[in-house]
């Protein structure tokens, strides 16, 4: 550990607090939005912040690897969310039909 013990304890406590808050906020998003990917995205944001705090306290290869894995998962989830939004999935906004021209069916039995 680097720095005074009180500083290390403060950083580790902050990281633990961010982890708990991330779990709580992720569960709240899941309960309100019913979207696992958005809840996971929120959780990963908090876990990234916690990982960076831990990394600032104890810059080891293990802490660096853990933070890198969290960033990778966060990017993959973000990519999945954006792809789902472009496809008009449940995460994206509902497509508006206001101002759309209705398509009429051709008359049946019309002579050419």
PDB file of N, CA and C in Angstrom:
ATOM      1  N   UNK A   1       0.834  -1.181   0.000  1.00  0.00           N
ATOM      2  CA  UNK A   1       0.000   0.000   0.000  1.00  0.00           C
ATOM      3  C   UNK A   1       0.875   1.239   0.000  1.00  0.00           C
ATOM      4  N   UNK A   2       0.395   2.254  -0.657  1.00  0.00           N
ATOM      5  CA  UNK A   2       1.147   3.493  -0.705  1.00  0.00           C
ATOM      6  C   UNK A   2       0.451   4.537   0.146  1.00  0.00           C
ATOM      7  N   UNK A   3       1.231   5.481   0.651  1.00  0.00           N
ATOM      8  CA  UNK A   3       0.652   6.560   1.430  1.00  0.00           C
ATOM      9  C   UNK A   3       0.342   6.131   2.856  1.00  0.00           C
ATOM     10  N   UNK A   4      -0.126   7.101   3.650  1.00  0.00           N
ATOM     11  CA  UNK A   4      -0.455   6.795   5.049  1.00  0.00           C
ATOM     12  C   UNK A   4      -1.602   5.802   5.159  1.00  0.00           C
ATOM     13  N   UNK A   5      -1.672   5.109   6.281  1.00  0.00           N
ATOM     14  CA  UNK A   5      -2.697   4.080   6.458  1.00  0.00           C
ATOM     15  C   UNK A   5      -4.097   4.686   6.474  1.00  0.00           C
ATOM     16  N   UNK A   6      -4.252   5.910   7.002  1.00  0.00           N
ATOM     17  CA  UNK A   6      -5.588   6.518   7.017  1.00  0.00           C
ATOM     18  C   UNK A   6      -6.048   6.827   5.603  1.00  0.00           C
ATOM     19  N   UNK A   7      -5.106   7.214   4.734  1.00  0.00           N
ATOM     20  CA  UNK A   7      -5.450   7.509   3.334  1.00  0.00           C
ATOM     21  C   UNK A   7      -5.862   6.230   2.618  1.00  0.00           C
ATOM     22  N   UNK A   8      -5.137   5.171   2.866  1.00  0.00           N
ATOM     23  CA  UNK A   8      -5.458   3.880   2.270  1.00  0.00           C
ATOM     24  C   UNK A   8      -6.821   3.393   2.748  1.00  0.00           C
ATOM     25  N   UNK A   9      -7.090   3.548   4.034  1.00  0.00           N
ATOM     26  CA  UNK A   9      -8.386   3.135   4.576  1.00  0.00           C
ATOM     27  C   UNK A   9      -9.513   3.968   3.972  1.00  0.00           C
ATOM     28  N   UNK A  10      -9.259   5.246   3.760  1.00  0.00           N
ATOM     29  CA  UNK A  10     -10.260   6.125   3.157  1.00  0.00           C
ATOM     30  C   UNK A  10     -10.558   5.703   1.719  1.00  0.00           C
ATOM     31  N   UNK A  11      -9.513   5.409   0.959  1.00  0.00           N
ATOM     32  CA  UNK A  11      -9.707   4.981  -0.434  1.00  0.00           C
ATOM     33  C   UNK A  11     -10.418   3.630  -0.507  1.00  0.00           C
ATOM     34  N   UNK A  12     -10.019   2.692   0.332  1.00  0.00           N
ATOM     35  CA  UNK A  12     -10.662   1.374   0.339  1.00  0.00           C
ATOM     36  C   UNK A  12     -12.120   1.471   0.792  1.00  0.00           C
ATOM     37  N   UNK A  13     -12.388   2.322   1.778  1.00  0.00           N
ATOM     38  CA  UNK A  13     -13.766   2.534   2.225  1.00  0.00           C
ATOM     39  C   UNK A  13     -14.610   3.188   1.136  1.00  0.00           C
ATOM     40  N   UNK A  14     -14.017   4.141   0.429  1.00  0.00           N
ATOM     41  CA  UNK A  14     -14.720   4.778  -0.685  1.00  0.00           C
ATOM     42  C   UNK A  14     -15.021   3.789  -1.798  1.00  0.00           C
ATOM     43  N   UNK A  15     -14.074   2.918  -2.072  1.00  0.00           N
ATOM     44  CA  UNK A  15     -14.287   1.902  -3.107  1.00  0.00           C
ATOM     45  C   UNK A  15     -15.395   0.936  -2.698  1.00  0.00           C
ATOM     46  N   UNK A  16     -15.403   0.558  -1.434  1.00  0.00           N
ATOM     47  CA  UNK A  16     -16.467  -0.323  -0.937  1.00  0.00           C
ATOM     48  C   UNK A  16     -17.826   0.378  -1.012  1.00  0.00           C
ATOM     49  N   UNK A  17     -17.860   1.653  -0.635  1.00  0.00           N
ATOM     50  CA  UNK A  17     -19.103   2.422  -0.708  1.00  0.00           C
ATOM     51  C   UNK A  17     -19.602   2.512  -2.150  1.00  0.00           C
ATOM     52  N   UNK A  18     -18.700   2.772  -3.089  1.00  0.00           N
ATOM     53  CA  UNK A  18     -19.102   2.829  -4.495  1.00  0.00           C
ATOM     54  C   UNK A  18     -19.626   1.487  -4.998  1.00  0.00           C
ATOM     55  N   UNK A  19     -19.031   0.401  -4.541  1.00  0.00           N
ATOM     56  CA  UNK A  19     -19.497  -0.921  -4.933  1.00  0.00           C
ATOM     57  C   UNK A  19     -20.915  -1.174  -4.422  1.00  0.00           C
ATOM     58  N   UNK A  20     -21.155  -0.837  -3.160  1.00  0.00           N
ATOM     59  CA  UNK A  20     -22.489  -1.024  -2.575  1.00  0.00           C
ATOM     60  C   UNK A  20     -23.504  -0.119  -3.271  1.00  0.00           C
ATOM     61  N   UNK A  21     -23.134   1.144  -3.507  1.00  0.00           N
ATOM     62  CA  UNK A  21     -24.028   2.062  -4.220  1.00  0.00           C
ATOM     63  C   UNK A  21     -24.320   1.561  -5.634  1.00  0.00           C
ATOM     64  N   UNK A  22     -23.310   1.009  -6.278  1.00  0.00           N
ATOM     65  CA  UNK A  22     -23.503   0.461  -7.622  1.00  0.00           C
ATOM     66  C   UNK A  22     -24.493  -0.684  -7.632  1.00  0.00           C
ATOM     67  N   UNK A  23     -24.377  -1.567  -6.648  1.00  0.00           N
ATOM     68  CA  UNK A  23     -25.340  -2.672  -6.541  1.00  0.00           C
ATOM     69  C   UNK A  23     -26.750  -2.137  -6.307  1.00  0.00           C
ATOM     70  N   UNK A  24     -26.869  -1.171  -5.404  1.00  0.00           N
ATOM     71  CA  UNK A  24     -28.178  -0.596  -5.112  1.00  0.00           C
ATOM     72  C   UNK A  24     -28.779   0.120  -6.317  1.00  0.00           C
ATOM     73  N   UNK A  25     -27.978   0.946  -6.968  1.00  0.00           N
ATOM     74  CA  UNK A  25     -28.481   1.679  -8.137  1.00  0.00           C
ATOM     75  C   UNK A  25     -28.790   0.730  -9.289  1.00  0.00           C
ATOM     76  N   UNK A  26     -27.972  -0.286  -9.472  1.00  0.00           N
ATOM     77  CA  UNK A  26     -28.234  -1.270 -10.522  1.00  0.00           C
ATOM     78  C   UNK A  26     -29.545  -1.993 -10.285  1.00  0.00           C
ATOM     79  N   UNK A  27     -29.789  -2.381  -9.024  1.00  0.00           N
ATOM     80  CA  UNK A  27     -31.056  -3.038  -8.687  1.00  0.00           C
ATOM     81  C   UNK A  27     -32.236  -2.091  -8.853  1.00  0.00           C
ATOM     82  N   UNK A  28     -32.034  -0.820  -8.517  1.00  0.00           N
ATOM     83  CA  UNK A  28     -33.097   0.169  -8.686  1.00  0.00           C
ATOM     84  C   UNK A  28     -33.447   0.358 -10.160  1.00  0.00           C
ATOM     85  N   UNK A  29     -32.431   0.447 -11.010  1.00  0.00           N
ATOM     86  CA  UNK A  29     -32.672   0.570 -12.452  1.00  0.00           C
ATOM     87  C   UNK A  29     -33.379  -0.676 -12.971  1.00  0.00           C
ATOM     88  N   UNK A  30     -32.959  -1.825 -12.491  1.00  0.00           N
ATOM     89  CA  UNK A  30     -33.600  -3.071 -12.916  1.00  0.00           C
ATOM     90  C   UNK A  30     -35.065  -3.110 -12.491  1.00  0.00           C
ATOM     91  N   UNK A  31     -35.355  -2.661 -11.281  1.00  0.00           N
ATOM     92  CA  UNK A  31     -36.730  -2.679 -10.784  1.00  0.00           C
ATOM     93  C   UNK A  31     -37.609  -1.668 -11.516  1.00  0.00           C
ATOM     94  N   UNK A  32     -37.056  -0.495 -11.821  1.00  0.00           N
ATOM     95  CA  UNK A  32     -37.862   0.557 -12.441  1.00  0.00           C
ATOM     96  C   UNK A  32     -37.969   0.414 -13.950  1.00  0.00           C
ATOM     97  N   UNK A  33     -36.865   0.060 -14.616  1.00  0.00           N
ATOM     98  CA  UNK A  33     -36.843   0.021 -16.080  1.00  0.00           C
ATOM     99  C   UNK A  33     -37.035  -1.377 -16.647  1.00  0.00           C
ATOM    100  N   UNK A  34     -36.813  -2.382 -15.819  1.00  0.00           N
ATOM    101  CA  UNK A  34     -36.920  -3.789 -16.236  1.00  0.00           C
ATOM    102  C   UNK A  34     -36.005  -4.095 -17.430  1.00  0.00           C
ATOM    103  N   UNK A  35     -34.810  -3.538 -17.373  1.00  0.00           N
ATOM    104  CA  UNK A  35     -33.842  -3.741 -18.444  1.00  0.00           C
ATOM    105  C   UNK A  35     -32.515  -4.161 -17.822  1.00  0.00           C
ATOM    106  N   UNK A  36     -32.162  -5.406 -18.037  1.00  0.00           N
ATOM    107  CA  UNK A  36     -30.954  -5.960 -17.424  1.00  0.00           C
ATOM    108  C   UNK A  36     -29.704  -5.255 -17.943  1.00  0.00           C
ATOM    109  N   UNK A  37     -29.669  -4.943 -19.235  1.00  0.00           N
ATOM    110  CA  UNK A  37     -28.467  -4.316 -19.793  1.00  0.00           C
ATOM    111  C   UNK A  37     -28.237  -2.916 -19.227  1.00  0.00           C
ATOM    112  N   UNK A  38     -29.285  -2.134 -19.058  1.00  0.00           N
ATOM    113  CA  UNK A  38     -29.105  -0.805 -18.466  1.00  0.00           C
ATOM    114  C   UNK A  38     -28.694  -0.920 -17.005  1.00  0.00           C
ATOM    115  N   UNK A  39     -29.277  -1.852 -16.285  1.00  0.00           N
ATOM    116  CA  UNK A  39     -28.898  -2.052 -14.891  1.00  0.00           C
ATOM    117  C   UNK A  39     -27.435  -2.479 -14.794  1.00  0.00           C
ATOM    118  N   UNK A  40     -27.015  -3.352 -15.685  1.00  0.00           N
ATOM    119  CA  UNK A  40     -25.623  -3.787 -15.705  1.00  0.00           C
ATOM    120  C   UNK A  40     -24.694  -2.635 -16.061  1.00  0.00           C
ATOM    121  N   UNK A  41     -25.132  -1.786 -16.961  1.00  0.00           N
ATOM    122  CA  UNK A  41     -24.341  -0.621 -17.350  1.00  0.00           C
ATOM    123  C   UNK A  41     -24.126   0.314 -16.160  1.00  0.00           C
ATOM    124  N   UNK A  42     -25.184   0.565 -15.390  1.00  0.00           N
ATOM    125  CA  UNK A  42     -25.072   1.415 -14.202  1.00  0.00           C
ATOM    126  C   UNK A  42     -24.139   0.773 -13.182  1.00  0.00           C
ATOM    127  N   UNK A  43     -24.316  -0.516 -12.950  1.00  0.00           N
ATOM    128  CA  UNK A  43     -23.453  -1.233 -12.007  1.00  0.00           C
ATOM    129  C   UNK A  43     -21.990  -1.140 -12.428  1.00  0.00           C
ATOM    130  N   UNK A  44     -21.730  -1.323 -13.711  1.00  0.00           N
ATOM    131  CA  UNK A  44     -20.346  -1.292 -14.191  1.00  0.00           C
ATOM    132  C   UNK A  44     -19.716   0.091 -14.074  1.00  0.00           C
ATOM    133  N   UNK A  45     -20.499   1.139 -14.200  1.00  0.00           N
ATOM    134  CA  UNK A  45     -19.970   2.492 -13.997  1.00  0.00           C
ATOM    135  C   UNK A  45     -19.461   2.651 -12.566  1.00  0.00           C
ATOM    136  N   UNK A  46     -20.255   2.191 -11.603  1.00  0.00           N
ATOM    137  CA  UNK A  46     -19.843   2.283 -10.207  1.00  0.00           C
ATOM    138  C   UNK A  46     -18.651   1.373  -9.923  1.00  0.00           C
ATOM    139  N   UNK A  47     -18.656   0.166 -10.505  1.00  0.00           N
ATOM    140  CA  UNK A  47     -17.527  -0.741 -10.289  1.00  0.00           C
ATOM    141  C   UNK A  47     -16.247  -0.187 -10.894  1.00  0.00           C
ATOM    142  N   UNK A  48     -16.364   0.515 -12.012  1.00  0.00           N
ATOM    143  CA  UNK A  48     -15.191   1.147 -12.610  1.00  0.00           C
ATOM    144  C   UNK A  48     -14.634   2.213 -11.675  1.00  0.00           C
ATOM    145  N   UNK A  49     -15.509   3.041 -11.117  1.00  0.00           N
ATOM    146  CA  UNK A  49     -15.051   4.076 -10.184  1.00  0.00           C
ATOM    147  C   UNK A  49     -14.391   3.439  -8.962  1.00  0.00           C
ATOM    148  N   UNK A  50     -14.994   2.365  -8.445  1.00  0.00           N
ATOM    149  CA  UNK A  50     -14.412   1.677  -7.291  1.00  0.00           C
ATOM    150  C   UNK A  50     -13.059   1.069  -7.649  1.00  0.00           C
ATOM    151  N   UNK A  51     -12.976   0.483  -8.832  1.00  0.00           N
ATOM    152  CA  UNK A  51     -11.710  -0.102  -9.269  1.00  0.00           C
ATOM    153  C   UNK A  51     -10.616   0.937  -9.431  1.00  0.00           C
ATOM    154  N   UNK A  52     -10.968   2.104  -9.937  1.00  0.00           N
ATOM    155  CA  UNK A  52      -9.977   3.168 -10.077  1.00  0.00           C
ATOM    156  C   UNK A  52      -9.509   3.685  -8.719  1.00  0.00           C
ATOM    157  N   UNK A  53     -10.432   3.741  -7.751  1.00  0.00           N
ATOM    158  CA  UNK A  53     -10.020   4.137  -6.396  1.00  0.00           C
ATOM    159  C   UNK A  53      -9.059   3.105  -5.799  1.00  0.00           C
ATOM    160  N   UNK A  54      -9.391   1.831  -5.973  1.00  0.00           N
ATOM    161  CA  UNK A  54      -8.497   0.775  -5.462  1.00  0.00           C
ATOM    162  C   UNK A  54      -7.147   0.823  -6.166  1.00  0.00           C
ATOM    163  N   UNK A  55      -7.180   1.093  -7.453  1.00  0.00           N
ATOM    164  CA  UNK A  55      -5.941   1.154  -8.225  1.00  0.00           C
ATOM    165  C   UNK A  55      -5.071   2.324  -7.766  1.00  0.00           C
ATOM    166  N   UNK A  56      -5.695   3.440  -7.394  1.00  0.00           N
ATOM    167  CA  UNK A  56      -4.917   4.583  -6.924  1.00  0.00           C
ATOM    168  C   UNK A  56      -4.270   4.300  -5.565  1.00  0.00           C
ATOM    169  N   UNK A  57      -4.861   3.396  -4.803  1.00  0.00           N
ATOM    170  CA  UNK A  57      -4.298   3.052  -3.498  1.00  0.00           C
ATOM    171  C   UNK A  57      -3.205   2.003  -3.615  1.00  0.00           C
ATOM    172  N   UNK A  58      -3.427   0.983  -4.425  1.00  0.00           N
ATOM    173  CA  UNK A  58      -2.505  -0.148  -4.511  1.00  0.00           C
ATOM    174  C   UNK A  58      -2.277  -0.501  -5.975  1.00  0.00           C
ATOM    175  N   UNK A  59      -1.359   0.212  -6.640  1.00  0.00           N
ATOM    176  CA  UNK A  59      -1.168  -0.017  -8.081  1.00  0.00           C
ATOM    177  C   UNK A  59      -0.385  -1.302  -8.382  1.00  0.00           C
ATOM    178  N   UNK A  60      -1.072  -2.440  -8.283  1.00  0.00           N
ATOM    179  CA  UNK A  60      -0.454  -3.722  -8.611  1.00  0.00           C
ATOM    180  C   UNK A  60      -0.984  -4.193  -9.955  1.00  0.00           C
ATOM    181  N   UNK A  61      -0.347  -5.216 -10.495  1.00  0.00           N
ATOM    182  CA  UNK A  61      -0.809  -5.764 -11.773  1.00  0.00           C
ATOM    183  C   UNK A  61      -2.200  -6.382 -11.643  1.00  0.00           C
ATOM    184  N   UNK A  62      -2.479  -6.965 -10.495  1.00  0.00           N
ATOM    185  CA  UNK A  62      -3.801  -7.561 -10.292  1.00  0.00           C
ATOM    186  C   UNK A  62      -4.891  -6.476 -10.287  1.00  0.00           C
ATOM    187  N   UNK A  63      -4.643  -5.365  -9.584  1.00  0.00           N
ATOM    188  CA  UNK A  63      -5.617  -4.269  -9.550  1.00  0.00           C
ATOM    189  C   UNK A  63      -5.786  -3.662 -10.936  1.00  0.00           C
ATOM    190  N   UNK A  64      -4.680  -3.542 -11.664  1.00  0.00           N
ATOM    191  CA  UNK A  64      -4.744  -3.010 -13.022  1.00  0.00           C
ATOM    192  C   UNK A  64      -5.523  -3.938 -13.943  1.00  0.00           C
ATOM    193  N   UNK A  65      -5.292  -5.246 -13.823  1.00  0.00           N
ATOM    194  CA  UNK A  65      -6.011  -6.218 -14.647  1.00  0.00           C
ATOM    195  C   UNK A  65      -7.504  -6.223 -14.323  1.00  0.00           C
ATOM    196  N   UNK A  66      -7.846  -6.131 -13.042  1.00  0.00           N
ATOM    197  CA  UNK A  66      -9.263  -6.087 -12.650  1.00  0.00           C
ATOM    198  C   UNK A  66      -9.947  -4.862 -13.239  1.00  0.00           C
ATOM    199  N   UNK A  67      -9.295  -3.717 -13.156  1.00  0.00           N
ATOM    200  CA  UNK A  67      -9.862  -2.483 -13.713  1.00  0.00           C
ATOM    201  C   UNK A  67      -9.985  -2.590 -15.227  1.00  0.00           C
ATOM    202  N   UNK A  68      -9.002  -3.184 -15.878  1.00  0.00           N
ATOM    203  CA  UNK A  68      -9.061  -3.342 -17.335  1.00  0.00           C
ATOM    204  C   UNK A  68     -10.212  -4.259 -17.753  1.00  0.00           C
ATOM    205  N   UNK A  69     -10.455  -5.319 -16.992  1.00  0.00           N
ATOM    206  CA  UNK A  69     -11.570  -6.224 -17.299  1.00  0.00           C
ATOM    207  C   UNK A  69     -12.904  -5.505 -17.122  1.00  0.00           C
ATOM    208  N   UNK A  70     -13.027  -4.693 -16.081  1.00  0.00           N
ATOM    209  CA  UNK A  70     -14.262  -3.927 -15.870  1.00  0.00           C
ATOM    210  C   UNK A  70     -14.486  -2.963 -17.033  1.00  0.00           C
ATOM    211  N   UNK A  71     -13.427  -2.303 -17.478  1.00  0.00           N
ATOM    212  CA  UNK A  71     -13.556  -1.378 -18.616  1.00  0.00           C
ATOM    213  C   UNK A  71     -13.975  -2.131 -19.864  1.00  0.00           C
ATOM    214  N   UNK A  72     -13.393  -3.296 -20.106  1.00  0.00           N
ATOM    215  CA  UNK A  72     -13.750  -4.091 -21.284  1.00  0.00           C
ATOM    216  C   UNK A  72     -15.225  -4.507 -21.239  1.00  0.00           C
ATOM    217  N   UNK A  73     -15.674  -5.009 -20.115  1.00  0.00           N
ATOM    218  CA  UNK A  73     -17.078  -5.415 -19.990  1.00  0.00           C
ATOM    219  C   UNK A  73     -17.995  -4.209 -20.165  1.00  0.00           C
ATOM    220  N   UNK A  74     -17.599  -3.078 -19.586  1.00  0.00           N
ATOM    221  CA  UNK A  74     -18.394  -1.850 -19.702  1.00  0.00           C
ATOM    222  C   UNK A  74     -18.529  -1.424 -21.161  1.00  0.00           C
ATOM    223  N   UNK A  75     -17.443  -1.513 -21.898  1.00  0.00           N
ATOM    224  CA  UNK A  75     -17.480  -1.149 -23.326  1.00  0.00           C
ATOM    225  C   UNK A  75     -18.368  -2.105 -24.110  1.00  0.00           C
ATOM    226  N   UNK A  76     -18.276  -3.398 -23.824  1.00  0.00           N
ATOM    227  CA  UNK A  76     -19.109  -4.372 -24.535  1.00  0.00           C
ATOM    228  C   UNK A  76     -20.588  -4.161 -24.245  1.00  0.00           C
ATOM    229  N   UNK A  77     -20.924  -3.881 -22.991  1.00  0.00           N
ATOM    230  CA  UNK A  77     -22.324  -3.623 -22.639  1.00  0.00           C
ATOM    231  C   UNK A  77     -22.802  -2.344 -23.316  1.00  0.00           C
ATOM    232  N   UNK A  78     -21.974  -1.312 -23.318  1.00  0.00           N
ATOM    233  CA  UNK A  78     -22.330  -0.065 -23.979  1.00  0.00           C
ATOM    234  C   UNK A  78     -22.549  -0.256 -25.463  1.00  0.00           C
ATOM    235  N   UNK A  79     -21.709  -1.062 -26.095  1.00  0.00           N
ATOM    236  CA  UNK A  79     -21.874  -1.351 -27.511  1.00  0.00           C
ATOM    237  C   UNK A  79     -23.193  -2.079 -27.763  1.00  0.00           C
ATOM    238  N   UNK A  80     -23.515  -3.031 -26.899  1.00  0.00           N
ATOM    239  CA  UNK A  80     -24.778  -3.754 -27.034  1.00  0.00           C
ATOM    240  C   UNK A  80     -25.981  -2.848 -26.858  1.00  0.00           C
ATOM    241  N   UNK A  81     -25.896  -1.899 -25.930  1.00  0.00           N
ATOM    242  CA  UNK A  81     -27.005  -0.958 -25.727  1.00  0.00           C
ATOM    243  C   UNK A  81     -27.201  -0.072 -26.950  1.00  0.00           C
ATOM    244  N   UNK A  82     -26.099   0.426 -27.499  1.00  0.00           N
ATOM    245  CA  UNK A  82     -26.214   1.297 -28.685  1.00  0.00           C
ATOM    246  C   UNK A  82     -26.737   0.530 -29.885  1.00  0.00           C
ATOM    247  N   UNK A  83     -26.300  -0.708 -30.051  1.00  0.00           N
ATOM    248  CA  UNK A  83     -26.776  -1.515 -31.174  1.00  0.00           C
ATOM    249  C   UNK A  83     -28.268  -1.794 -31.026  1.00  0.00           C
ATOM    250  N   UNK A  84     -28.725  -2.025 -29.816  1.00  0.00           N
ATOM    251  CA  UNK A  84     -30.141  -2.283 -29.566  1.00  0.00           C
ATOM    252  C   UNK A  84     -30.968  -1.026 -29.822  1.00  0.00           C
ATOM    253  N   UNK A  85     -30.442   0.138 -29.464  1.00  0.00           N
ATOM    254  CA  UNK A  85     -31.154   1.388 -29.718  1.00  0.00           C
ATOM    255  C   UNK A  85     -31.304   1.629 -31.215  1.00  0.00           C
ATOM    256  N   UNK A  86     -30.251   1.371 -31.977  1.00  0.00           N
ATOM    257  CA  UNK A  86     -30.319   1.578 -33.436  1.00  0.00           C
ATOM    258  C   UNK A  86     -31.322   0.626 -34.063  1.00  0.00           C
ATOM    259  N   UNK A  87     -31.469  -0.551 -33.477  1.00  0.00           N
ATOM    260  CA  UNK A  87     -32.408  -1.528 -34.018  1.00  0.00           C
ATOM    261  C   UNK A  87     -33.834  -1.258 -33.556  1.00  0.00           C
ATOM    262  N   UNK A  88     -34.014  -0.271 -32.688  1.00  0.00           N
ATOM    263  CA  UNK A  88     -35.355   0.050 -32.198  1.00  0.00           C
ATOM    264  C   UNK A  88     -35.848  -0.935 -31.173  1.00  0.00           C
ATOM    265  N   UNK A  89     -34.935  -1.512 -30.412  1.00  0.00           N
ATOM    266  CA  UNK A  89     -35.297  -2.494 -29.399  1.00  0.00           C
ATOM    267  C   UNK A  89     -35.966  -1.845 -28.207  1.00  0.00           C
ATOM    268  N   UNK A  90     -36.211  -2.622 -27.164  1.00  0.00           N
ATOM    269  CA  UNK A  90     -36.945  -2.117 -26.009  1.00  0.00           C
ATOM    270  C   UNK A  90     -36.207  -1.030 -25.246  1.00  0.00           C
ATOM    271  N   UNK A  91     -34.878  -0.940 -25.406  1.00  0.00           N
ATOM    272  CA  UNK A  91     -34.124   0.077 -24.696  1.00  0.00           C
ATOM    273  C   UNK A  91     -34.280   1.423 -25.382  1.00  0.00           C
ATOM    274  N   UNK A  92     -34.379   1.406 -26.702  1.00  0.00           N
ATOM    275  CA  UNK A  92     -34.510   2.644 -27.458  1.00  0.00           C
ATOM    276  C   UNK A  92     -35.901   3.227 -27.347  1.00  0.00           C
ATOM    277  N   UNK A  93     -36.043   4.419 -27.858  1.00  0.00           N
ATOM    278  CA  UNK A  93     -37.351   5.063 -27.845  1.00  0.00           C
ATOM    279  C   UNK A  93     -38.267   4.388 -28.853  1.00  0.00           C
ATOM    280  N   UNK A  94     -39.540   4.449 -28.550  1.00  0.00           N
ATOM    281  CA  UNK A  94     -40.521   3.894 -29.479  1.00  0.00           C
ATOM    282  C   UNK A  94     -40.541   4.762 -30.729  1.00  0.00           C
ATOM    283  N   UNK A  95     -40.644   4.141 -31.850  1.00  0.00           N
ATOM    284  CA  UNK A  95     -40.672   4.897 -33.094  1.00  0.00           C
ATOM    285  C   UNK A  95     -42.006   5.595 -33.246  1.00  0.00           C
ATOM    286  N   UNK A  96     -41.932   6.846 -33.609  1.00  0.00           N
ATOM    287  CA  UNK A  96     -43.147   7.637 -33.750  1.00  0.00           C
ATOM    288  C   UNK A  96     -43.761   7.406 -35.122  1.00  0.00           C
ATOM    289  N   UNK A  97     -45.068   7.291 -35.129  1.00  0.00           N
ATOM    290  CA  UNK A  97     -45.773   7.149 -36.405  1.00  0.00           C
ATOM    291  C   UNK A  97     -46.532   8.421 -36.743  1.00  0.00           C
ATOM    292  N   UNK A  98     -46.325   9.472 -35.953  1.00  0.00           N
ATOM    293  CA  UNK A  98     -47.012  10.737 -36.218  1.00  0.00           C
ATOM    294  C   UNK A  98     -46.525  11.301 -37.548  1.00  0.00           C
ATOM    295  N   UNK A  99     -47.428  11.685 -38.385  1.00  0.00           N
ATOM    296  CA  UNK A  99     -47.091  12.264 -39.674  1.00  0.00           C
ATOM    297  C   UNK A  99     -46.770  11.239 -40.736  1.00  0.00           C
ATOM    298  N   UNK A 100     -46.890   9.970 -40.404  1.00  0.00           N
ATOM    299  CA  UNK A 100     -46.600   8.933 -41.391  1.00  0.00           C
ATOM    300  C   UNK A 100     -47.775   8.815 -42.357  1.00  0.00           C
ATOM    301  N   UNK A 101     -47.453   8.552 -43.595  1.00  0.00           N
ATOM    302  CA  UNK A 101     -48.498   8.397 -44.618  1.00  0.00           C
ATOM    303  C   UNK A 101     -48.939   6.942 -44.607  1.00  0.00           C
ATOM    304  N   UNK A 102     -50.247   6.701 -44.428  1.00  0.00           N
ATOM    305  CA  UNK A 102     -50.696   5.300 -44.435  1.00  0.00           C
ATOM    306  C   UNK A 102     -50.553   4.702 -45.808  1.00  0.00           C
ATOM    307  N   UNK A 103     -50.199   3.454 -45.832  1.00  0.00           N
ATOM    308  CA  UNK A 103     -50.046   2.729 -47.090  1.00  0.00           C
ATOM    309  C   UNK A 103     -51.397   2.111 -47.423  1.00  0.00           C
ATOM    310  N   UNK A 104     -51.890   2.453 -48.598  1.00  0.00           N
ATOM    311  CA  UNK A 104     -53.177   1.890 -48.994  1.00  0.00           C
ATOM    312  C   UNK A 104     -52.952   0.665 -49.836  1.00  0.00           C
ATOM    313  N   UNK A 105     -53.847  -0.285 -49.721  1.00  0.00           N
ATOM    314  CA  UNK A 105     -53.743  -1.503 -50.497  1.00  0.00           C
ATOM    315  C   UNK A 105     -54.269  -1.240 -51.910  1.00  0.00           C
ATOM    316  N   UNK A 106     -53.676  -1.892 -52.898  1.00  0.00           N
ATOM    317  CA  UNK A 106     -54.191  -1.707 -54.258  1.00  0.00           C
ATOM    318  C   UNK A 106     -55.582  -2.311 -54.365  1.00  0.00           C
ATOM    319  N   UNK A 107     -56.426  -1.706 -55.179  1.00  0.00           N
ATOM    320  CA  UNK A 107     -57.785  -2.228 -55.309  1.00  0.00           C
ATOM    321  C   UNK A 107     -57.744  -3.654 -55.844  1.00  0.00           C
ATOM    322  N   UNK A 108     -58.592  -4.475 -55.277  1.00  0.00           N
ATOM    323  CA  UNK A 108     -58.628  -5.854 -55.734  1.00  0.00           C
ATOM    324  C   UNK A 108     -59.469  -5.947 -56.992  1.00  0.00           C
ATOM    325  N   UNK A 109     -59.016  -6.733 -57.907  1.00  0.00           N
ATOM    326  CA  UNK A 109     -59.754  -6.967 -59.152  1.00  0.00           C
ATOM    327  C   UNK A 109     -59.636  -5.806 -60.134  1.00  0.00           C
ATOM    328  N   UNK A 110     -58.581  -5.011 -60.036  1.00  0.00           N
ATOM    329  CA  UNK A 110     -58.451  -3.919 -61.011  1.00  0.00           C
ATOM    330  C   UNK A 110     -57.902  -4.469 -62.313  1.00  0.00           C
ATOM    331  N   UNK A 111     -58.398  -3.951 -63.384  1.00  0.00           N
ATOM    332  CA  UNK A 111     -57.967  -4.401 -64.716  1.00  0.00           C
ATOM    333  C   UNK A 111     -56.759  -3.655 -65.146  1.00  0.00           C
ATOM    334  N   UNK A 112     -55.806  -4.338 -65.806  1.00  0.00           N
ATOM    335  CA  UNK A 112     -54.617  -3.649 -66.289  1.00  0.00           C
ATOM    336  C   UNK A 112     -54.774  -3.285 -67.732  1.00  0.00           C
TER     337      UNK A 112
END
